[in-house]
Protein backbone atom coordinates (compact mmCIF):
# COMPACT_ATOMS: atom_id res chain seq x y z
CA MET A 1 0.00 0.11 0.27
CA SER A 2 1.34 3.25 -1.09
CA THR A 3 2.34 5.69 2.14
CA ALA A 4 0.39 8.28 0.23
CA MET A 5 -2.66 6.27 0.89
CA ASN A 6 -1.88 5.31 4.66
CA LYS A 7 -1.62 9.13 5.26
CA SER A 8 -4.99 9.64 3.92
CA VAL A 9 -6.63 7.56 6.80
CA GLU A 10 -7.27 10.57 8.76
CA ALA A 11 -7.10 13.48 6.29
CA ALA A 12 -9.68 12.36 4.31
CA ARG A 13 -12.84 13.26 7.04
CA VAL A 14 -15.13 16.20 5.99
CA PRO A 15 -14.66 19.03 8.60
CA GLU A 16 -17.83 20.18 10.46
CA LYS A 17 -18.11 23.55 8.83
CA SER A 18 -18.40 22.11 5.49
CA ILE A 19 -21.58 19.56 6.43
CA ILE A 20 -24.86 20.75 5.52
CA SER A 21 -27.38 19.06 7.90
CA GLY A 22 -31.17 19.34 8.76
CA TYR A 23 -34.12 18.57 7.72
CA TRP A 24 -36.08 17.48 4.68
CA ASP A 25 -39.38 18.78 3.86
CA TYR A 26 -40.85 15.04 2.89
CA PRO A 27 -41.77 12.17 5.23
CA ALA A 28 -40.23 9.12 5.69
CA THR A 29 -41.89 5.97 4.21
CA ILE A 30 -41.87 2.76 3.14
CA THR A 31 -41.52 2.38 -0.90
CA VAL A 32 -40.88 -0.47 -3.20
CA THR A 33 -37.58 -1.15 -4.30
CA ASN A 34 -36.40 -1.36 -7.67
CA TYR A 35 -33.40 -3.64 -7.40
CA GLN A 36 -32.71 -6.06 -9.97
CA PHE A 37 -30.85 -9.03 -9.43
CA LYS A 38 -29.94 -8.54 -5.80
CA SER A 39 -31.98 -10.44 -3.38
CA LEU A 40 -32.01 -7.97 -0.63
CA SER A 41 -35.59 -6.74 0.10
CA ASP A 42 -39.04 -5.66 -2.01
CA PHE A 43 -39.33 -2.62 0.18
CA VAL A 44 -36.56 0.42 1.41
CA PHE A 45 -36.89 2.78 4.23
CA ASN A 46 -34.69 5.63 3.60
CA THR A 47 -34.39 7.89 6.46
CA ALA A 48 -32.05 11.30 5.18
CA VAL A 49 -31.41 12.71 1.29
CA GLY A 50 -27.83 12.15 1.44
CA CYS A 51 -25.51 10.47 3.60
CA LEU A 52 -22.17 11.87 5.40
CA HIS A 53 -20.09 8.80 5.19
CA GLY A 54 -19.26 9.74 1.62
CA CYS A 55 -18.27 6.87 -0.09
CA THR A 56 -16.99 7.95 -3.46
CA PRO A 57 -18.13 4.70 -5.65
CA CYS A 58 -21.66 4.94 -4.11
CA TYR A 59 -24.31 4.87 -7.10
CA VAL A 60 -26.67 7.23 -5.02
CA PRO A 61 -25.99 10.55 -6.51
CA GLY A 62 -26.68 9.06 -10.31
CA ALA A 63 -29.81 7.82 -9.14
CA SER A 64 -31.58 9.77 -6.67
CA ALA A 65 -29.89 12.93 -5.27
CA ASN A 66 -29.57 14.44 -8.57
CA LYS A 67 -33.19 14.29 -9.47
CA GLN A 68 -33.57 16.48 -6.24
CA HIS A 69 -30.82 19.16 -7.58
CA GLU A 70 -33.70 22.08 -7.13
CA LYS A 71 -34.54 21.62 -3.55
CA LEU A 72 -31.26 20.43 -2.43
CA ALA A 73 -29.61 23.61 -4.36
CA GLU A 74 -32.40 25.58 -1.51
CA ARG A 75 -30.45 23.70 1.37
CA GLY A 76 -27.04 24.96 -0.07
CA VAL A 77 -26.26 21.50 -2.09
CA ASP A 78 -25.13 23.30 -5.43
CA ASP A 79 -23.71 19.72 -6.97
CA PRO A 80 -25.33 16.74 -5.07
CA ASP A 81 -23.07 14.33 -6.91
CA GLU A 82 -19.54 16.30 -6.37
CA GLN A 83 -20.44 17.46 -2.69
CA TRP A 84 -21.51 13.80 -2.09
CA GLY A 85 -20.74 12.78 1.77
CA GLN A 86 -20.75 16.74 2.94
CA TYR A 87 -24.71 16.32 3.36
CA ALA A 88 -27.48 14.56 5.16
CA LEU A 89 -31.23 15.96 5.60
CA LEU A 90 -33.50 14.09 7.76
CA ARG A 91 -36.92 13.44 6.43
CA VAL A 92 -39.39 14.33 8.95
CA TRP A 93 -41.14 11.83 10.74
CA ASP A 94 -45.02 11.68 10.36
CA GLU A 95 -46.56 8.23 12.04
CA LYS A 96 -49.95 8.52 10.10
CA ARG A 97 -47.69 8.56 6.61
CA PHE A 98 -45.46 5.69 7.87
CA LEU A 99 -48.31 3.34 9.03
CA SER A 100 -50.17 4.08 5.98
CA SER A 101 -47.24 2.90 3.89
CA LEU A 102 -46.52 0.10 6.40
CA LYS A 103 -50.37 -0.79 5.61
CA THR A 104 -49.70 -1.03 1.63
CA ALA A 105 -46.44 -2.74 1.87
CA GLU A 106 -48.25 -5.42 4.00
CA ASN A 107 -51.38 -5.75 2.18
CA MET A 108 -49.21 -5.80 -1.04
CA ALA A 109 -50.27 -9.57 -3.30
CA SER A 110 -47.55 -11.85 -3.41
CA GLU A 111 -47.43 -11.70 -7.00
CA ASP A 112 -46.43 -8.40 -7.07
CA LEU A 113 -43.47 -8.75 -5.13
CA LYS A 114 -40.36 -10.12 -6.31
CA PRO A 115 -39.77 -13.86 -5.55
CA GLU A 116 -36.12 -13.17 -3.77
CA GLY A 117 -37.56 -9.93 -1.67
CA HIS A 118 -38.38 -11.90 1.48
CA ARG A 119 -41.50 -9.60 2.11
CA ALA A 120 -38.53 -7.05 3.49
CA ILE A 121 -37.79 -3.61 4.15
CA MET A 122 -34.39 -2.67 3.75
CA PHE A 123 -32.94 0.08 5.88
CA CYS A 124 -31.57 1.95 4.28
CA SER A 125 -30.77 2.09 0.06
CA THR A 126 -29.59 5.60 -0.43
CA THR A 127 -28.35 6.40 3.00
CA ASP A 128 -26.70 4.78 6.21
CA PRO A 129 -29.74 4.34 9.20
CA TYR A 130 -27.03 4.75 11.66
CA GLN A 131 -24.57 7.63 10.72
CA THR A 132 -23.71 10.32 12.94
CA ILE A 133 -24.96 13.73 11.43
CA ARG A 134 -22.47 15.68 12.63
CA ASN A 135 -23.20 19.44 11.82
CA ALA A 136 -20.94 23.00 12.53
CA ASP A 137 -22.80 23.65 15.73
CA PRO A 138 -22.58 20.51 18.08
CA LYS A 139 -25.77 20.87 19.35
CA LEU A 140 -27.80 20.75 16.27
CA GLY A 141 -25.74 17.52 15.56
CA THR A 142 -26.45 15.87 18.38
CA GLU A 143 -30.26 16.92 17.67
CA TYR A 144 -30.34 15.67 14.02
CA THR A 145 -28.65 12.74 15.34
CA LYS A 146 -30.96 11.70 18.28
CA HIS A 147 -34.14 12.68 15.83
CA HIS A 148 -32.44 9.83 13.56
CA GLN A 149 -32.16 7.22 15.81
CA GLU A 150 -35.74 7.82 17.09
CA MET A 151 -37.06 7.63 13.74
CA VAL A 152 -35.49 4.29 13.24
CA ARG A 153 -36.71 3.16 16.24
CA ARG A 154 -39.83 4.12 16.07
CA ALA A 155 -40.24 2.69 12.46
CA LEU A 156 -38.68 -1.03 13.34
CA GLU A 157 -41.49 -0.94 16.30
CA LEU A 158 -44.46 -0.49 14.32
CA ILE A 159 -42.79 -3.04 11.58
CA ARG A 160 -42.89 -5.28 14.24
CA ASP A 161 -46.14 -4.74 15.92
CA ARG A 162 -48.43 -3.71 13.07
CA SER A 163 -47.31 -6.04 10.44
CA THR A 164 -45.95 -9.29 9.19
CA LEU A 165 -43.33 -8.28 7.17
CA ASN A 166 -39.96 -8.82 7.62
CA VAL A 167 -36.46 -6.14 8.18
CA ARG A 168 -33.17 -5.89 6.59
CA ILE A 169 -30.35 -3.75 8.20
CA LEU A 170 -27.63 -2.33 6.17
CA THR A 171 -24.77 -0.18 7.61
CA ARG A 172 -21.37 1.00 8.35
CA SER A 173 -21.87 1.91 11.69
CA PRO A 174 -21.10 0.41 14.70
CA LEU A 175 -24.02 3.01 16.33
CA ALA A 176 -26.42 0.01 15.47
CA LYS A 177 -25.42 -1.59 18.49
CA THR A 178 -27.30 0.14 20.55
CA ASP A 179 -30.12 -1.42 19.11
CA PHE A 180 -29.64 -4.75 18.71
CA GLU A 181 -31.79 -6.13 21.74
CA LEU A 182 -35.16 -3.97 19.27
CA PHE A 183 -33.39 -6.38 16.78
CA LYS A 184 -33.04 -9.55 18.63
CA SER A 185 -37.33 -8.68 19.43
CA PHE A 186 -37.65 -9.38 15.78
CA GLY A 187 -36.67 -13.17 15.98
CA ASN A 188 -36.23 -14.61 12.50
CA ARG A 189 -38.29 -11.31 10.87
CA LEU A 190 -34.69 -9.75 10.63
CA ALA A 191 -31.56 -9.83 9.51
CA PHE A 192 -28.70 -7.67 10.41
CA GLY A 193 -25.40 -6.88 8.02
CA MET A 194 -22.87 -4.63 7.30
CA SER A 195 -20.66 -3.55 4.41
CA LEU A 196 -17.21 -5.03 4.38
CA PRO A 197 -15.33 -4.84 1.62
CA THR A 198 -11.68 -5.01 3.00
CA LEU A 199 -10.12 -4.92 6.58
CA ASN A 200 -7.45 -2.86 5.46
CA ASP A 201 -8.48 0.65 6.45
CA ALA A 202 -6.09 2.71 4.40
CA VAL A 203 -8.23 1.19 1.29
CA SER A 204 -11.34 1.51 3.15
CA LYS A 205 -10.54 5.00 3.73
CA ALA A 206 -9.94 5.92 0.46
CA TYR A 207 -13.04 5.23 -0.87
CA GLU A 208 -15.11 5.35 2.17
CA PRO A 209 -14.03 8.70 3.77
CA GLY A 210 -16.67 9.44 6.09
CA ALA A 211 -17.52 5.87 7.02
CA PRO A 212 -16.48 3.89 10.33
CA GLY A 213 -12.94 2.00 10.30
CA VAL A 214 -13.45 -1.55 9.10
CA LYS A 215 -12.23 -3.05 11.82
CA LYS A 216 -15.02 -1.56 13.89
CA ARG A 217 -17.45 -2.82 11.91
CA LEU A 218 -16.03 -6.37 11.78
CA ALA A 219 -16.18 -6.22 15.66
CA THR A 220 -19.95 -4.70 15.35
CA LEU A 221 -20.38 -8.07 13.35
CA LYS A 222 -18.92 -10.16 15.78
CA ALA A 223 -21.03 -8.32 18.67
CA ALA A 224 -24.54 -8.67 17.00
CA LYS A 225 -23.33 -12.41 16.40
CA ASP A 226 -22.42 -12.78 19.90
CA ALA A 227 -25.97 -11.24 20.84
CA GLY A 228 -27.60 -13.84 18.96
CA LEU A 229 -29.01 -11.56 15.95
CA HIS A 230 -29.35 -13.15 12.14
CA VAL A 231 -25.71 -11.75 10.29
CA TYR A 232 -24.97 -11.34 6.81
CA VAL A 233 -22.09 -9.16 5.40
CA ALA A 234 -22.07 -7.22 1.88
CA MET A 235 -18.49 -7.60 0.37
CA ALA A 236 -19.23 -5.00 -1.59
CA PRO A 237 -17.97 -3.18 -3.22
CA THR A 238 -14.33 -4.67 -3.56
CA TYR A 239 -11.50 -2.50 -4.84
CA PRO A 240 -8.98 -2.85 -7.61
CA GLU A 241 -6.41 -2.24 -4.38
CA CYS A 242 -7.84 -5.63 -2.99
CA ASP A 243 -5.51 -8.27 -4.17
CA GLU A 244 -6.01 -11.99 -3.97
CA ALA A 245 -4.27 -11.84 0.21
CA ASP A 246 -7.35 -9.27 0.88
CA LEU A 247 -9.56 -10.95 -0.16
CA ARG A 248 -8.87 -13.89 0.97
CA ALA A 249 -8.31 -12.33 4.40
CA THR A 250 -11.49 -10.57 4.10
CA MET A 251 -13.54 -13.56 3.86
CA LYS A 252 -11.80 -15.98 6.47
CA ALA A 253 -12.74 -12.90 9.20
CA ILE A 254 -16.48 -13.21 7.76
CA ALA A 255 -16.85 -17.09 7.88
CA ALA A 256 -15.63 -17.00 11.56
CA LEU A 257 -18.81 -14.98 11.66
CA GLU A 258 -21.04 -18.06 10.18
CA PRO A 259 -23.15 -15.44 7.94
CA ILE A 260 -26.52 -16.56 6.25
CA THR A 261 -25.37 -15.11 3.28
CA VAL A 262 -22.24 -13.21 1.81
CA PHE A 263 -23.24 -10.82 -0.43
CA HIS A 264 -20.29 -9.59 -3.45
CA GLU A 265 -19.99 -7.13 -5.89
CA PRO A 266 -16.20 -5.48 -7.54
CA LEU A 267 -16.31 -1.55 -7.77
CA ASN A 268 -18.79 -0.86 -10.68
CA ILE A 269 -19.13 2.23 -13.26
CA ARG A 270 -22.33 3.73 -11.90
CA ALA A 271 -23.14 7.21 -13.19
CA ASP A 272 -20.05 9.40 -12.49
CA ASN A 273 -18.58 7.67 -9.68
CA ILE A 274 -15.07 6.86 -11.16
CA GLU A 275 -14.61 11.08 -11.62
CA ARG A 276 -15.67 11.19 -8.16
CA ILE A 277 -13.32 8.61 -6.76
CA ARG A 278 -10.49 10.32 -9.33
CA LYS A 279 -11.09 13.56 -8.23
CA HIS A 280 -11.01 12.51 -4.15
CA GLY A 281 -8.16 10.81 -4.58
CA GLU A 282 -6.32 13.82 -6.17
CA LYS A 283 -7.17 15.88 -3.42
CA GLU A 284 -5.77 13.76 -0.87
CA GLU A 285 -3.11 12.87 -2.64
CA ILE A 286 -3.85 9.28 -2.65
CA LYS A 287 -2.70 7.27 -5.37
CA LEU A 288 -5.76 4.85 -6.61
CA ASN A 289 -5.51 2.20 -9.57
CA LEU A 290 -8.55 3.06 -11.79
CA SER A 291 -6.82 1.61 -15.14
CA PRO A 292 -9.86 -0.96 -14.56
CA PHE A 293 -12.44 1.24 -15.07
CA GLU A 294 -10.93 3.67 -18.28
CA THR A 295 -13.28 1.34 -20.74
CA THR A 296 -16.66 -0.99 -19.97
CA ASP A 297 -14.05 -3.89 -21.55
CA ALA A 298 -11.65 -3.46 -18.98
CA TRP A 299 -13.80 -3.03 -16.44
CA ARG A 300 -16.09 -6.01 -17.59
CA LYS A 301 -12.48 -7.85 -17.24
CA TYR A 302 -11.79 -6.76 -13.83
CA SER A 303 -14.98 -7.91 -12.82
CA TRP A 304 -14.98 -10.94 -14.22
CA GLU A 305 -11.51 -11.77 -12.60
CA HIS A 306 -12.81 -10.16 -9.08
CA PHE A 307 -15.74 -12.55 -9.41
CA GLN A 308 -13.69 -15.85 -10.45
CA LEU A 309 -11.31 -14.91 -7.61
CA ILE A 310 -14.30 -14.68 -4.89
CA GLU A 311 -15.77 -17.69 -5.86
CA LYS A 312 -12.45 -19.57 -5.57
CA ILE A 313 -11.64 -18.58 -2.21
CA ALA A 314 -15.38 -18.73 -0.94
CA THR A 315 -14.97 -22.67 -1.88
CA GLU A 316 -11.48 -22.74 -0.19
CA VAL A 317 -13.00 -20.99 3.23
CA GLY A 318 -15.96 -23.20 3.01
CA MET A 319 -18.59 -20.11 2.26
CA SER A 320 -19.52 -21.33 -1.32
CA HIS A 321 -22.94 -22.52 0.15
CA CYS A 322 -23.99 -18.85 1.12
CA LEU A 323 -22.29 -16.76 -1.31
CA HIS A 324 -24.37 -14.51 -3.54
CA LEU A 325 -22.45 -12.65 -6.43
CA TRP A 326 -23.58 -9.62 -8.09
CA PRO A 327 -23.03 -9.31 -11.51
CA ASP A 328 -24.28 -6.31 -13.39
CA GLN A 329 -26.45 -6.90 -16.41
CA ASP A 330 -23.64 -4.46 -18.54
CA MET A 331 -21.41 -7.62 -18.30
CA ALA A 332 -23.83 -9.72 -21.43
CA THR A 333 -23.51 -7.24 -23.80
CA ARG A 334 -23.34 -8.84 -27.50
CA ALA A 335 -20.26 -7.51 -28.25
CA TYR A 336 -18.62 -8.60 -24.94
CA LEU A 337 -20.34 -12.20 -25.23
CA GLN A 338 -18.44 -12.75 -28.62
CA SER A 339 -14.88 -11.44 -27.24
CA LEU A 340 -15.17 -14.77 -24.94
CA PRO A 341 -14.20 -18.47 -25.67
CA ASP A 342 -17.25 -19.73 -24.33
CA PRO A 343 -20.69 -17.59 -24.27
CA THR A 344 -23.14 -19.61 -23.68
CA GLY A 345 -21.11 -20.99 -20.30
CA PHE A 346 -20.70 -17.36 -19.32
CA VAL A 347 -24.64 -16.73 -19.90
CA GLU A 348 -25.26 -19.77 -17.79
CA TRP A 349 -22.97 -18.33 -14.61
CA LEU A 350 -24.72 -14.79 -14.97
CA GLN A 351 -28.23 -16.59 -14.82
CA LYS A 352 -27.17 -18.74 -12.15
CA TRP A 353 -26.56 -15.72 -10.05
CA TRP A 354 -29.30 -13.56 -11.33
CA THR A 355 -31.84 -16.25 -10.39
CA ARG A 356 -30.72 -17.17 -6.85
CA ILE A 357 -32.58 -16.01 -3.80
CA SER A 358 -30.31 -15.26 -0.94
CA GLU A 359 -31.02 -17.01 2.01
CA TRP A 360 -33.07 -15.85 5.32
CA PRO A 361 -33.68 -17.07 9.19
CA GLU A 362 -35.59 -20.07 9.20
């Protein structure tokens, strides 16, 4: 690992004076997901517009935040993509509206749901449900964080008590430990997971500058397992700097948790995320390997090699039974298939993972 990358671990944090946090005009409700081939959930509950973890590969600015450009500009966010990681505007809590959305989700016909969605609500898909909401004014930061935690807890209580729906928690934050007892009250209706693409803090901070360190995440997963929770791991996205030794070390640590599922995806090209990564690297003087993203064919080759490597390692450490890969649909273009020695076998491999249903607690 380069010296420049190691020095970046602490330097990358966005100063509080640059943070835009506060309240959003719209309430937090349960909505239907648009996931393709993920096998994560049928519904999502998003608590904020923006996320202070500021993971540079994130798809959210292009898929969601940019659509709110005018409203965000009113709050001082001039470029939702470039300022990703510098704003988190919390949705307001309207219990009546939330209960209405919960009833709609509860009563949705099974034929209208994805067979791989587990009738689950995911916390969250466009932000982190357990992030600390920072602000230049520490009192406001405390107020916003408290509001955020109370909103998440109340939503969970209502889902538990007034529906039969399941819940999938996905976070990068050890703050989730404060709700372990609440999670346990769901029994087999809740799965708790964290994103853990690497165990190397320098690599993590280079790509996920505002997120808690990966060692803390691993400790939180161990605590969740010890608390009796049903644990899964999103080993995603893994980065070009994650070589075979790095991937093996991470997978071995995950295997020790005996998770119900391990999701995996290499870093993907989504909207302007590669440019965002490049700019962040230049700003922090971090030398990043972005050669796999110079062309779409280079990215496809990188992805295919990473997937094959992960399959090999998962078999070696006894995790192939719960591995769930997320190959992108863009890996199946006609031109790319024609370049492969066995296009039929490759399509069969894609279909295997696209149709796989992830595990759920029994």
